[in-house]
């Protein structure tokens, strides 16, 4: 079988499509024919050994997969050959077949396609966990989403609206803000031509946003924190800007606000039952048409590098999918 993988930390140029052995499922495992792999920004960091973990080499990008169960190992219940399933596997996903623990698998409803299903776990899972489990977002509260036109941001828009919030999308162009409005954002703020702190304050009648959902970090973090409401919640999601900000702690005191880390992958490991319930809820919302993941494009396995270069170059809106069967 084929796998898009890298054997050295050389960035996207180190990625190759190789022939590798078909893995064997052991007790408790399932072998999946992978039809969709969702890529994320952290995959570009893994290729350069700049992520929080150093993966074992050789390694494939892709932490979210969807496909069909081919076979199962001993002692597996609840899933069988022919089932369409979704799983967050943490990485090593861009290959034609994957072995993973059967307990990781979530059934995909008939109304949901594999590519759409694969786009859910990281971005929508993070949004649901962050807004529901961590921020305890309430109806009628205001959420400001930084990096709103990316996959993580668009997911957060849809989840926040489902929870009854008012959403202010923050992005770098009118085109990106238009996409955010298509996904439900109530208002948009272009930080390229508007001061972020002043803009958010004006849009909230001087009160500030109840929740800041920050996918970006970098120089935009402090002005966003300054635009947080009294007893607001600042959610630290990620650092797409590449710079980890240093925030003045006196602002937290003066605003009585909270800075809350949203480490979704650790949550999945520590609370698998809650993660499974959240994933099942997301799939049901898609089946009901309540959320509509935006897929930028679907690429064959041999174009995995091209797909990652688009992500690395900030040239995508929504999710990028690889189909290893193509």
C-alpha atoms as a PDB file:
ATOM      1  CA  UNK A   1       0.000   0.000   0.000  1.00  0.00           C
ATOM      2  CA  UNK A   2       1.021   3.638  -0.384  1.00  0.00           C
ATOM      3  CA  UNK A   3       1.839   6.172   2.322  1.00  0.00           C
ATOM      4  CA  UNK A   4       2.777   9.851   2.103  1.00  0.00           C
ATOM      5  CA  UNK A   5       5.499  10.087   4.740  1.00  0.00           C
ATOM      6  CA  UNK A   6       8.752  11.781   5.730  1.00  0.00           C
ATOM      7  CA  UNK A   7      11.936  10.224   7.088  1.00  0.00           C
ATOM      8  CA  UNK A   8      13.706  13.462   8.030  1.00  0.00           C
ATOM      9  CA  UNK A   9      12.653  16.851   9.345  1.00  0.00           C
ATOM     10  CA  UNK A  10      13.061  18.806   6.143  1.00  0.00           C
ATOM     11  CA  UNK A  11       9.698  20.490   5.752  1.00  0.00           C
ATOM     12  CA  UNK A  12       7.320  19.709   2.915  1.00  0.00           C
ATOM     13  CA  UNK A  13      10.190  18.902   0.552  1.00  0.00           C
ATOM     14  CA  UNK A  14      10.999  15.851   2.706  1.00  0.00           C
ATOM     15  CA  UNK A  15       7.590  14.287   2.009  1.00  0.00           C
ATOM     16  CA  UNK A  16       7.549  11.174  -0.220  1.00  0.00           C
ATOM     17  CA  UNK A  17       4.934   8.661  -1.363  1.00  0.00           C
ATOM     18  CA  UNK A  18       6.348   5.221  -0.518  1.00  0.00           C
ATOM     19  CA  UNK A  19       5.205   1.621  -0.706  1.00  0.00           C
ATOM     20  CA  UNK A  20       4.844   0.227   2.821  1.00  0.00           C
ATOM     21  CA  UNK A  21       3.514  -3.047   4.270  1.00  0.00           C
ATOM     22  CA  UNK A  22      -0.182  -3.388   5.062  1.00  0.00           C
ATOM     23  CA  UNK A  23      -0.525  -3.287   8.878  1.00  0.00           C
ATOM     24  CA  UNK A  24      -2.112  -6.152  10.803  1.00  0.00           C
ATOM     25  CA  UNK A  25      -4.821  -5.506  13.394  1.00  0.00           C
ATOM     26  CA  UNK A  26      -4.168  -7.022  16.823  1.00  0.00           C
ATOM     27  CA  UNK A  27      -6.632  -7.639  19.641  1.00  0.00           C
ATOM     28  CA  UNK A  28      -8.867  -4.598  20.098  1.00  0.00           C
ATOM     29  CA  UNK A  29      -7.796  -3.096  16.750  1.00  0.00           C
ATOM     30  CA  UNK A  30      -9.511  -2.394  13.447  1.00  0.00           C
ATOM     31  CA  UNK A  31      -7.990  -2.077   9.964  1.00  0.00           C
ATOM     32  CA  UNK A  32      -9.477   0.896   8.074  1.00  0.00           C
ATOM     33  CA  UNK A  33      -9.505   1.574   4.338  1.00  0.00           C
ATOM     34  CA  UNK A  34      -8.901   5.305   4.533  1.00  0.00           C
ATOM     35  CA  UNK A  35     -10.904   7.478   2.135  1.00  0.00           C
ATOM     36  CA  UNK A  36     -10.390  10.894   3.744  1.00  0.00           C
ATOM     37  CA  UNK A  37      -7.615  12.453   5.822  1.00  0.00           C
ATOM     38  CA  UNK A  38      -7.963  15.973   7.172  1.00  0.00           C
ATOM     39  CA  UNK A  39      -4.803  18.087   7.329  1.00  0.00           C
ATOM     40  CA  UNK A  40      -4.090  20.828   9.852  1.00  0.00           C
ATOM     41  CA  UNK A  41      -1.555  23.605  10.371  1.00  0.00           C
ATOM     42  CA  UNK A  42       0.257  21.542  13.007  1.00  0.00           C
ATOM     43  CA  UNK A  43       1.096  18.980  10.291  1.00  0.00           C
ATOM     44  CA  UNK A  44       3.384  21.590   8.705  1.00  0.00           C
ATOM     45  CA  UNK A  45       5.106  22.050  12.080  1.00  0.00           C
ATOM     46  CA  UNK A  46       5.597  18.300  12.520  1.00  0.00           C
ATOM     47  CA  UNK A  47       7.457  18.186   9.205  1.00  0.00           C
ATOM     48  CA  UNK A  48       9.987  20.648  10.655  1.00  0.00           C
ATOM     49  CA  UNK A  49      10.074  19.209  14.189  1.00  0.00           C
ATOM     50  CA  UNK A  50       8.581  22.447  15.524  1.00  0.00           C
ATOM     51  CA  UNK A  51       5.475  20.994  17.148  1.00  0.00           C
ATOM     52  CA  UNK A  52       4.950  20.167  20.840  1.00  0.00           C
ATOM     53  CA  UNK A  53       5.895  16.539  20.159  1.00  0.00           C
ATOM     54  CA  UNK A  54       8.610  14.957  18.027  1.00  0.00           C
ATOM     55  CA  UNK A  55       7.069  12.123  15.989  1.00  0.00           C
ATOM     56  CA  UNK A  56       8.853   8.815  15.354  1.00  0.00           C
ATOM     57  CA  UNK A  57      10.225   8.561  11.823  1.00  0.00           C
ATOM     58  CA  UNK A  58       9.116   7.690   9.222  1.00  0.00           C
ATOM     59  CA  UNK A  59       5.824   9.483   9.830  1.00  0.00           C
ATOM     60  CA  UNK A  60       2.790  10.617   7.874  1.00  0.00           C
ATOM     61  CA  UNK A  61       0.847  13.860   8.339  1.00  0.00           C
ATOM     62  CA  UNK A  62      -2.864  13.676   9.111  1.00  0.00           C
ATOM     63  CA  UNK A  63      -4.521  13.185  12.500  1.00  0.00           C
ATOM     64  CA  UNK A  64      -8.178  12.794  11.452  1.00  0.00           C
ATOM     65  CA  UNK A  65      -9.368   9.968   9.222  1.00  0.00           C
ATOM     66  CA  UNK A  66     -12.591   8.554   7.833  1.00  0.00           C
ATOM     67  CA  UNK A  67     -13.097   5.342   5.919  1.00  0.00           C
ATOM     68  CA  UNK A  68     -14.476   1.824   5.995  1.00  0.00           C
ATOM     69  CA  UNK A  69     -13.586  -1.009   8.345  1.00  0.00           C
ATOM     70  CA  UNK A  70     -11.863  -3.811   6.410  1.00  0.00           C
ATOM     71  CA  UNK A  71     -11.183  -6.260   9.237  1.00  0.00           C
ATOM     72  CA  UNK A  72     -11.110  -6.292  13.028  1.00  0.00           C
ATOM     73  CA  UNK A  73      -8.869  -8.052  15.513  1.00  0.00           C
ATOM     74  CA  UNK A  74      -9.899 -10.275  18.383  1.00  0.00           C
ATOM     75  CA  UNK A  75     -12.083  -8.979  21.213  1.00  0.00           C
ATOM     76  CA  UNK A  76     -13.598  -6.162  19.119  1.00  0.00           C
ATOM     77  CA  UNK A  77     -17.268  -5.363  19.676  1.00  0.00           C
ATOM     78  CA  UNK A  78     -19.471  -2.581  18.399  1.00  0.00           C
ATOM     79  CA  UNK A  79     -17.806  -2.289  14.990  1.00  0.00           C
ATOM     80  CA  UNK A  80     -17.478  -4.753  12.090  1.00  0.00           C
ATOM     81  CA  UNK A  81     -16.264  -5.014   8.512  1.00  0.00           C
ATOM     82  CA  UNK A  82     -18.101  -2.662   6.166  1.00  0.00           C
ATOM     83  CA  UNK A  83     -18.876   0.013   8.768  1.00  0.00           C
ATOM     84  CA  UNK A  84     -18.117   3.627   7.828  1.00  0.00           C
ATOM     85  CA  UNK A  85     -16.221   5.226  10.668  1.00  0.00           C
ATOM     86  CA  UNK A  86     -14.473   8.383  11.841  1.00  0.00           C
ATOM     87  CA  UNK A  87     -11.451   8.536  14.147  1.00  0.00           C
ATOM     88  CA  UNK A  88      -8.983  10.971  15.614  1.00  0.00           C
ATOM     89  CA  UNK A  89      -5.722   9.010  15.526  1.00  0.00           C
ATOM     90  CA  UNK A  90      -3.258  11.750  16.454  1.00  0.00           C
ATOM     91  CA  UNK A  91      -1.154  11.445  13.286  1.00  0.00           C
ATOM     92  CA  UNK A  92       0.309   9.089  10.668  1.00  0.00           C
ATOM     93  CA  UNK A  93      -2.928   9.260   8.680  1.00  0.00           C
ATOM     94  CA  UNK A  94      -1.933   9.873   5.037  1.00  0.00           C
ATOM     95  CA  UNK A  95      -1.843   6.232   3.967  1.00  0.00           C
ATOM     96  CA  UNK A  96      -4.219   3.875   2.225  1.00  0.00           C
ATOM     97  CA  UNK A  97      -4.856   1.709   5.278  1.00  0.00           C
ATOM     98  CA  UNK A  98      -4.634   2.402   9.013  1.00  0.00           C
ATOM     99  CA  UNK A  99      -4.755   0.221  12.108  1.00  0.00           C
ATOM    100  CA  UNK A 100      -6.222   1.928  15.152  1.00  0.00           C
ATOM    101  CA  UNK A 101      -7.952   0.940  18.361  1.00  0.00           C
ATOM    102  CA  UNK A 102     -11.563   0.054  17.658  1.00  0.00           C
ATOM    103  CA  UNK A 103     -12.512   2.131  20.708  1.00  0.00           C
ATOM    104  CA  UNK A 104     -11.375   5.231  18.770  1.00  0.00           C
ATOM    105  CA  UNK A 105     -13.975   4.708  16.040  1.00  0.00           C
ATOM    106  CA  UNK A 106     -17.240   6.640  15.812  1.00  0.00           C
ATOM    107  CA  UNK A 107     -19.925   5.535  13.306  1.00  0.00           C
ATOM    108  CA  UNK A 108     -20.647   7.980  10.478  1.00  0.00           C
ATOM    109  CA  UNK A 109     -24.345   8.591   9.765  1.00  0.00           C
ATOM    110  CA  UNK A 110     -25.511   7.734   6.241  1.00  0.00           C
ATOM    111  CA  UNK A 111     -26.262  11.417   5.557  1.00  0.00           C
ATOM    112  CA  UNK A 112     -22.618  12.468   6.138  1.00  0.00           C
ATOM    113  CA  UNK A 113     -19.851  11.961   3.568  1.00  0.00           C
ATOM    114  CA  UNK A 114     -16.410  10.721   4.551  1.00  0.00           C
ATOM    115  CA  UNK A 115     -14.606  13.954   3.616  1.00  0.00           C
ATOM    116  CA  UNK A 116     -17.016  16.025   5.689  1.00  0.00           C
ATOM    117  CA  UNK A 117     -16.736  13.616   8.622  1.00  0.00           C
ATOM    118  CA  UNK A 118     -12.930  13.771   8.537  1.00  0.00           C
ATOM    119  CA  UNK A 119     -13.065  17.563   8.727  1.00  0.00           C
ATOM    120  CA  UNK A 120     -14.802  17.509  12.132  1.00  0.00           C
ATOM    121  CA  UNK A 121     -12.644  16.180  15.007  1.00  0.00           C
ATOM    122  CA  UNK A 122      -9.879  18.755  15.443  1.00  0.00           C
ATOM    123  CA  UNK A 123     -11.557  22.010  14.419  1.00  0.00           C
ATOM    124  CA  UNK A 124     -15.172  21.384  15.406  1.00  0.00           C
ATOM    125  CA  UNK A 125     -14.137  19.188  18.323  1.00  0.00           C
ATOM    126  CA  UNK A 126     -11.914  21.972  19.645  1.00  0.00           C
ATOM    127  CA  UNK A 127     -14.674  24.544  19.141  1.00  0.00           C
ATOM    128  CA  UNK A 128     -17.281  22.475  20.981  1.00  0.00           C
ATOM    129  CA  UNK A 129     -14.895  21.581  23.800  1.00  0.00           C
ATOM    130  CA  UNK A 130     -13.599  25.152  24.083  1.00  0.00           C
ATOM    131  CA  UNK A 131     -16.906  26.981  23.973  1.00  0.00           C
ATOM    132  CA  UNK A 132     -19.068  24.442  25.796  1.00  0.00           C
ATOM    133  CA  UNK A 133     -16.781  22.620  28.229  1.00  0.00           C
ATOM    134  CA  UNK A 134     -14.187  25.323  28.965  1.00  0.00           C
ATOM    135  CA  UNK A 135     -15.801  28.751  28.431  1.00  0.00           C
ATOM    136  CA  UNK A 136     -19.304  27.665  29.500  1.00  0.00           C
ATOM    137  CA  UNK A 137     -20.656  29.960  26.790  1.00  0.00           C
ATOM    138  CA  UNK A 138     -24.177  31.214  27.448  1.00  0.00           C
ATOM    139  CA  UNK A 139     -26.889  32.293  24.971  1.00  0.00           C
ATOM    140  CA  UNK A 140     -26.742  36.008  24.068  1.00  0.00           C
ATOM    141  CA  UNK A 141     -23.059  36.342  25.043  1.00  0.00           C
ATOM    142  CA  UNK A 142     -20.633  37.817  22.512  1.00  0.00           C
ATOM    143  CA  UNK A 143     -17.760  35.772  21.096  1.00  0.00           C
ATOM    144  CA  UNK A 144     -14.903  37.362  19.129  1.00  0.00           C
ATOM    145  CA  UNK A 145     -13.050  34.821  16.972  1.00  0.00           C
ATOM    146  CA  UNK A 146      -9.493  35.616  15.844  1.00  0.00           C
ATOM    147  CA  UNK A 147      -8.417  33.845  12.663  1.00  0.00           C
ATOM    148  CA  UNK A 148     -12.091  33.392  11.895  1.00  0.00           C
ATOM    149  CA  UNK A 149     -11.796  32.420   8.219  1.00  0.00           C
ATOM    150  CA  UNK A 150      -9.567  29.391   8.786  1.00  0.00           C
ATOM    151  CA  UNK A 151     -10.861  25.910   9.468  1.00  0.00           C
ATOM    152  CA  UNK A 152     -10.740  26.371  13.253  1.00  0.00           C
ATOM    153  CA  UNK A 153     -12.350  29.786  13.085  1.00  0.00           C
ATOM    154  CA  UNK A 154     -15.219  28.787  10.808  1.00  0.00           C
ATOM    155  CA  UNK A 155     -15.975  25.835  13.063  1.00  0.00           C
ATOM    156  CA  UNK A 156     -16.053  28.111  16.090  1.00  0.00           C
ATOM    157  CA  UNK A 157     -18.460  30.472  14.321  1.00  0.00           C
ATOM    158  CA  UNK A 158     -20.929  27.668  13.636  1.00  0.00           C
ATOM    159  CA  UNK A 159     -20.697  26.152  17.121  1.00  0.00           C
ATOM    160  CA  UNK A 160     -21.047  29.537  18.839  1.00  0.00           C
ATOM    161  CA  UNK A 161     -24.144  30.344  16.781  1.00  0.00           C
ATOM    162  CA  UNK A 162     -25.671  26.957  17.607  1.00  0.00           C
ATOM    163  CA  UNK A 163     -25.139  27.834  21.268  1.00  0.00           C
ATOM    164  CA  UNK A 164     -27.032  31.107  20.825  1.00  0.00           C
ATOM    165  CA  UNK A 165     -24.114  33.548  20.915  1.00  0.00           C
ATOM    166  CA  UNK A 166     -23.476  36.735  18.987  1.00  0.00           C
ATOM    167  CA  UNK A 167     -20.350  36.242  16.867  1.00  0.00           C
ATOM    168  CA  UNK A 168     -17.803  38.844  15.760  1.00  0.00           C
ATOM    169  CA  UNK A 169     -15.427  37.390  13.170  1.00  0.00           C
ATOM    170  CA  UNK A 170     -11.904  38.863  13.090  1.00  0.00           C
ATOM    171  CA  UNK A 171      -9.912  38.335   9.880  1.00  0.00           C
ATOM    172  CA  UNK A 172      -7.503  40.114   7.530  1.00  0.00           C
ATOM    173  CA  UNK A 173      -9.643  40.900   4.475  1.00  0.00           C
ATOM    174  CA  UNK A 174     -13.150  41.685   3.331  1.00  0.00           C
ATOM    175  CA  UNK A 175     -13.222  38.472   1.308  1.00  0.00           C
ATOM    176  CA  UNK A 176     -12.409  36.389   4.378  1.00  0.00           C
ATOM    177  CA  UNK A 177     -15.032  38.211   6.435  1.00  0.00           C
ATOM    178  CA  UNK A 178     -17.632  37.556   3.740  1.00  0.00           C
ATOM    179  CA  UNK A 179     -16.916  33.823   4.072  1.00  0.00           C
ATOM    180  CA  UNK A 180     -17.320  34.131   7.842  1.00  0.00           C
ATOM    181  CA  UNK A 181     -20.732  35.747   7.391  1.00  0.00           C
ATOM    182  CA  UNK A 182     -21.754  32.888   5.097  1.00  0.00           C
ATOM    183  CA  UNK A 183     -21.037  30.562   8.008  1.00  0.00           C
ATOM    184  CA  UNK A 184     -23.135  32.588  10.431  1.00  0.00           C
ATOM    185  CA  UNK A 185     -20.987  35.417  11.817  1.00  0.00           C
ATOM    186  CA  UNK A 186     -23.090  38.393  12.844  1.00  0.00           C
ATOM    187  CA  UNK A 187     -20.382  41.010  12.266  1.00  0.00           C
ATOM    188  CA  UNK A 188     -16.840  41.214  10.972  1.00  0.00           C
ATOM    189  CA  UNK A 189     -13.741  43.177  11.920  1.00  0.00           C
ATOM    190  CA  UNK A 190     -10.816  43.576   9.522  1.00  0.00           C
ATOM    191  CA  UNK A 191      -7.773  44.017  11.758  1.00  0.00           C
ATOM    192  CA  UNK A 192      -5.714  45.228   8.784  1.00  0.00           C
ATOM    193  CA  UNK A 193      -7.628  48.502   8.609  1.00  0.00           C
ATOM    194  CA  UNK A 194      -9.218  48.695  12.087  1.00  0.00           C
ATOM    195  CA  UNK A 195      -7.560  48.783  15.509  1.00  0.00           C
ATOM    196  CA  UNK A 196      -8.495  45.451  17.088  1.00  0.00           C
ATOM    197  CA  UNK A 197      -9.075  46.693  20.627  1.00  0.00           C
ATOM    198  CA  UNK A 198     -11.001  49.796  19.597  1.00  0.00           C
ATOM    199  CA  UNK A 199     -13.014  47.900  17.009  1.00  0.00           C
ATOM    200  CA  UNK A 200     -14.135  45.195  19.433  1.00  0.00           C
ATOM    201  CA  UNK A 201     -14.959  47.798  22.070  1.00  0.00           C
ATOM    202  CA  UNK A 202     -17.059  49.798  19.601  1.00  0.00           C
ATOM    203  CA  UNK A 203     -18.928  46.696  18.457  1.00  0.00           C
ATOM    204  CA  UNK A 204     -19.807  45.852  22.068  1.00  0.00           C
ATOM    205  CA  UNK A 205     -20.794  49.377  23.191  1.00  0.00           C
ATOM    206  CA  UNK A 206     -17.606  49.651  25.206  1.00  0.00           C
ATOM    207  CA  UNK A 207     -18.254  46.490  27.197  1.00  0.00           C
ATOM    208  CA  UNK A 208     -15.893  44.113  25.424  1.00  0.00           C
ATOM    209  CA  UNK A 209     -16.372  40.522  24.278  1.00  0.00           C
ATOM    210  CA  UNK A 210     -17.497  37.892  26.772  1.00  0.00           C
ATOM    211  CA  UNK A 211     -15.338  35.252  25.086  1.00  0.00           C
ATOM    212  CA  UNK A 212     -12.227  35.633  22.925  1.00  0.00           C
ATOM    213  CA  UNK A 213     -11.512  32.547  20.789  1.00  0.00           C
ATOM    214  CA  UNK A 214      -7.889  33.009  19.718  1.00  0.00           C
ATOM    215  CA  UNK A 215      -6.527  30.663  17.060  1.00  0.00           C
ATOM    216  CA  UNK A 216      -3.732  33.067  16.103  1.00  0.00           C
ATOM    217  CA  UNK A 217      -1.696  34.363  19.041  1.00  0.00           C
ATOM    218  CA  UNK A 218       1.128  36.695  18.074  1.00  0.00           C
ATOM    219  CA  UNK A 219       0.737  40.484  18.234  1.00  0.00           C
ATOM    220  CA  UNK A 220      -3.071  40.361  18.164  1.00  0.00           C
ATOM    221  CA  UNK A 221      -3.371  38.616  21.534  1.00  0.00           C
ATOM    222  CA  UNK A 222      -2.799  41.596  23.831  1.00  0.00           C
ATOM    223  CA  UNK A 223      -5.239  43.991  22.116  1.00  0.00           C
ATOM    224  CA  UNK A 224      -7.831  41.210  22.112  1.00  0.00           C
ATOM    225  CA  UNK A 225      -7.294  40.645  25.838  1.00  0.00           C
ATOM    226  CA  UNK A 226      -7.702  44.387  26.394  1.00  0.00           C
ATOM    227  CA  UNK A 227     -11.071  44.120  24.616  1.00  0.00           C
ATOM    228  CA  UNK A 228     -12.311  41.361  26.936  1.00  0.00           C
ATOM    229  CA  UNK A 229     -15.359  42.124  29.065  1.00  0.00           C
ATOM    230  CA  UNK A 230     -15.482  42.032  32.863  1.00  0.00           C
ATOM    231  CA  UNK A 231     -15.359  38.371  33.885  1.00  0.00           C
ATOM    232  CA  UNK A 232     -14.704  37.460  30.264  1.00  0.00           C
ATOM    233  CA  UNK A 233     -12.939  34.295  29.144  1.00  0.00           C
ATOM    234  CA  UNK A 234      -9.933  34.361  26.847  1.00  0.00           C
ATOM    235  CA  UNK A 235      -9.549  30.953  25.154  1.00  0.00           C
ATOM    236  CA  UNK A 236      -6.008  30.055  24.064  1.00  0.00           C
ATOM    237  CA  UNK A 237      -6.529  27.773  21.049  1.00  0.00           C
ATOM    238  CA  UNK A 238      -3.290  27.995  19.072  1.00  0.00           C
ATOM    239  CA  UNK A 239      -0.532  30.124  17.610  1.00  0.00           C
ATOM    240  CA  UNK A 240      -1.004  30.244  13.844  1.00  0.00           C
ATOM    241  CA  UNK A 241       0.885  33.552  13.758  1.00  0.00           C
ATOM    242  CA  UNK A 242       3.964  31.613  14.858  1.00  0.00           C
ATOM    243  CA  UNK A 243       4.637  33.789  17.905  1.00  0.00           C
ATOM    244  CA  UNK A 244       3.609  32.776  21.428  1.00  0.00           C
ATOM    245  CA  UNK A 245       2.453  36.018  23.078  1.00  0.00           C
ATOM    246  CA  UNK A 246       3.438  37.292  26.520  1.00  0.00           C
ATOM    247  CA  UNK A 247       0.393  38.851  28.129  1.00  0.00           C
ATOM    248  CA  UNK A 248       0.401  41.485  30.918  1.00  0.00           C
ATOM    249  CA  UNK A 249      -1.137  39.728  33.913  1.00  0.00           C
ATOM    250  CA  UNK A 250      -2.356  43.013  35.417  1.00  0.00           C
ATOM    251  CA  UNK A 251      -5.021  43.058  32.686  1.00  0.00           C
ATOM    252  CA  UNK A 252      -6.392  39.757  33.987  1.00  0.00           C
ATOM    253  CA  UNK A 253      -6.645  41.244  37.474  1.00  0.00           C
ATOM    254  CA  UNK A 254      -8.234  44.518  36.343  1.00  0.00           C
ATOM    255  CA  UNK A 255     -10.847  42.790  34.204  1.00  0.00           C
ATOM    256  CA  UNK A 256     -11.553  39.911  36.558  1.00  0.00           C
ATOM    257  CA  UNK A 257     -11.227  37.746  33.463  1.00  0.00           C
ATOM    258  CA  UNK A 258      -9.869  34.253  32.906  1.00  0.00           C
ATOM    259  CA  UNK A 259      -7.259  32.985  30.464  1.00  0.00           C
ATOM    260  CA  UNK A 260      -8.227  29.406  29.648  1.00  0.00           C
ATOM    261  CA  UNK A 261      -6.126  26.866  27.789  1.00  0.00           C
ATOM    262  CA  UNK A 262      -7.972  24.635  25.325  1.00  0.00           C
ATOM    263  CA  UNK A 263      -5.699  21.622  24.806  1.00  0.00           C
ATOM    264  CA  UNK A 264      -8.107  19.454  22.851  1.00  0.00           C
ATOM    265  CA  UNK A 265      -5.780  16.497  22.215  1.00  0.00           C
ATOM    266  CA  UNK A 266      -5.077  16.155  25.942  1.00  0.00           C
ATOM    267  CA  UNK A 267      -8.829  16.336  26.592  1.00  0.00           C
ATOM    268  CA  UNK A 268      -9.388  13.463  24.113  1.00  0.00           C
ATOM    269  CA  UNK A 269      -6.831  11.330  25.933  1.00  0.00           C
ATOM    270  CA  UNK A 270      -8.027  12.184  29.431  1.00  0.00           C
ATOM    271  CA  UNK A 271     -11.769  12.077  28.826  1.00  0.00           C
ATOM    272  CA  UNK A 272     -12.488   9.687  25.923  1.00  0.00           C
ATOM    273  CA  UNK A 273     -16.153   9.247  26.856  1.00  0.00           C
ATOM    274  CA  UNK A 274     -16.811  12.993  26.691  1.00  0.00           C
ATOM    275  CA  UNK A 275     -14.842  13.237  23.438  1.00  0.00           C
ATOM    276  CA  UNK A 276     -16.914  10.448  21.911  1.00  0.00           C
ATOM    277  CA  UNK A 277     -20.145  12.158  23.002  1.00  0.00           C
ATOM    278  CA  UNK A 278     -18.980  15.470  21.495  1.00  0.00           C
ATOM    279  CA  UNK A 279     -18.002  13.785  18.215  1.00  0.00           C
ATOM    280  CA  UNK A 280     -21.328  11.977  17.998  1.00  0.00           C
ATOM    281  CA  UNK A 281     -23.101  15.291  18.601  1.00  0.00           C
ATOM    282  CA  UNK A 282     -21.117  16.975  15.823  1.00  0.00           C
ATOM    283  CA  UNK A 283     -21.918  14.213  13.336  1.00  0.00           C
ATOM    284  CA  UNK A 284     -25.597  14.482  14.234  1.00  0.00           C
ATOM    285  CA  UNK A 285     -25.572  18.255  13.707  1.00  0.00           C
ATOM    286  CA  UNK A 286     -24.026  17.726  10.260  1.00  0.00           C
ATOM    287  CA  UNK A 287     -26.641  15.094   9.414  1.00  0.00           C
ATOM    288  CA  UNK A 288     -29.352  17.585  10.412  1.00  0.00           C
ATOM    289  CA  UNK A 289     -27.787  20.388   8.373  1.00  0.00           C
ATOM    290  CA  UNK A 290     -27.094  22.516  11.439  1.00  0.00           C
ATOM    291  CA  UNK A 291     -23.371  22.800  10.720  1.00  0.00           C
ATOM    292  CA  UNK A 292     -21.812  22.738   7.269  1.00  0.00           C
ATOM    293  CA  UNK A 293     -18.032  22.234   7.277  1.00  0.00           C
ATOM    294  CA  UNK A 294     -16.291  24.222   4.560  1.00  0.00           C
ATOM    295  CA  UNK A 295     -13.864  22.087   2.552  1.00  0.00           C
ATOM    296  CA  UNK A 296     -11.275  24.061   0.619  1.00  0.00           C
ATOM    297  CA  UNK A 297     -10.303  21.108  -1.562  1.00  0.00           C
ATOM    298  CA  UNK A 298      -9.769  17.356  -1.801  1.00  0.00           C
ATOM    299  CA  UNK A 299      -6.380  16.144  -3.068  1.00  0.00           C
ATOM    300  CA  UNK A 300      -5.024  12.721  -4.118  1.00  0.00           C
ATOM    301  CA  UNK A 301      -2.316  11.139  -1.975  1.00  0.00           C
ATOM    302  CA  UNK A 302       0.475  12.168  -4.378  1.00  0.00           C
ATOM    303  CA  UNK A 303      -0.519  15.843  -3.849  1.00  0.00           C
ATOM    304  CA  UNK A 304      -0.259  15.749  -0.056  1.00  0.00           C
ATOM    305  CA  UNK A 305       2.731  18.088  -0.241  1.00  0.00           C
ATOM    306  CA  UNK A 306       0.802  20.553  -2.398  1.00  0.00           C
ATOM    307  CA  UNK A 307      -2.100  20.491   0.060  1.00  0.00           C
ATOM    308  CA  UNK A 308       0.245  21.155   2.987  1.00  0.00           C
ATOM    309  CA  UNK A 309       1.984  23.990   1.139  1.00  0.00           C
ATOM    310  CA  UNK A 310      -1.372  25.740   0.759  1.00  0.00           C
ATOM    311  CA  UNK A 311      -1.943  25.450   4.509  1.00  0.00           C
ATOM    312  CA  UNK A 312       1.577  26.606   5.312  1.00  0.00           C
ATOM    313  CA  UNK A 313       1.187  29.578   2.982  1.00  0.00           C
ATOM    314  CA  UNK A 314      -2.129  30.602   4.609  1.00  0.00           C
ATOM    315  CA  UNK A 315      -3.858  30.161   1.238  1.00  0.00           C
ATOM    316  CA  UNK A 316      -6.832  28.088   2.373  1.00  0.00           C
ATOM    317  CA  UNK A 317     -10.219  28.769   3.867  1.00  0.00           C
ATOM    318  CA  UNK A 318     -11.747  25.846   5.731  1.00  0.00           C
ATOM    319  CA  UNK A 319     -10.391  22.314   5.668  1.00  0.00           C
ATOM    320  CA  UNK A 320      -7.996  20.524   3.315  1.00  0.00           C
ATOM    321  CA  UNK A 321      -8.630  16.823   2.686  1.00  0.00           C
ATOM    322  CA  UNK A 322      -6.436  14.082   1.184  1.00  0.00           C
ATOM    323  CA  UNK A 323      -8.033  10.968  -0.346  1.00  0.00           C
ATOM    324  CA  UNK A 324      -5.424   8.157  -0.120  1.00  0.00           C
ATOM    325  CA  UNK A 325      -7.464   5.980  -2.498  1.00  0.00           C
ATOM    326  CA  UNK A 326      -6.833   8.453  -5.346  1.00  0.00           C
END
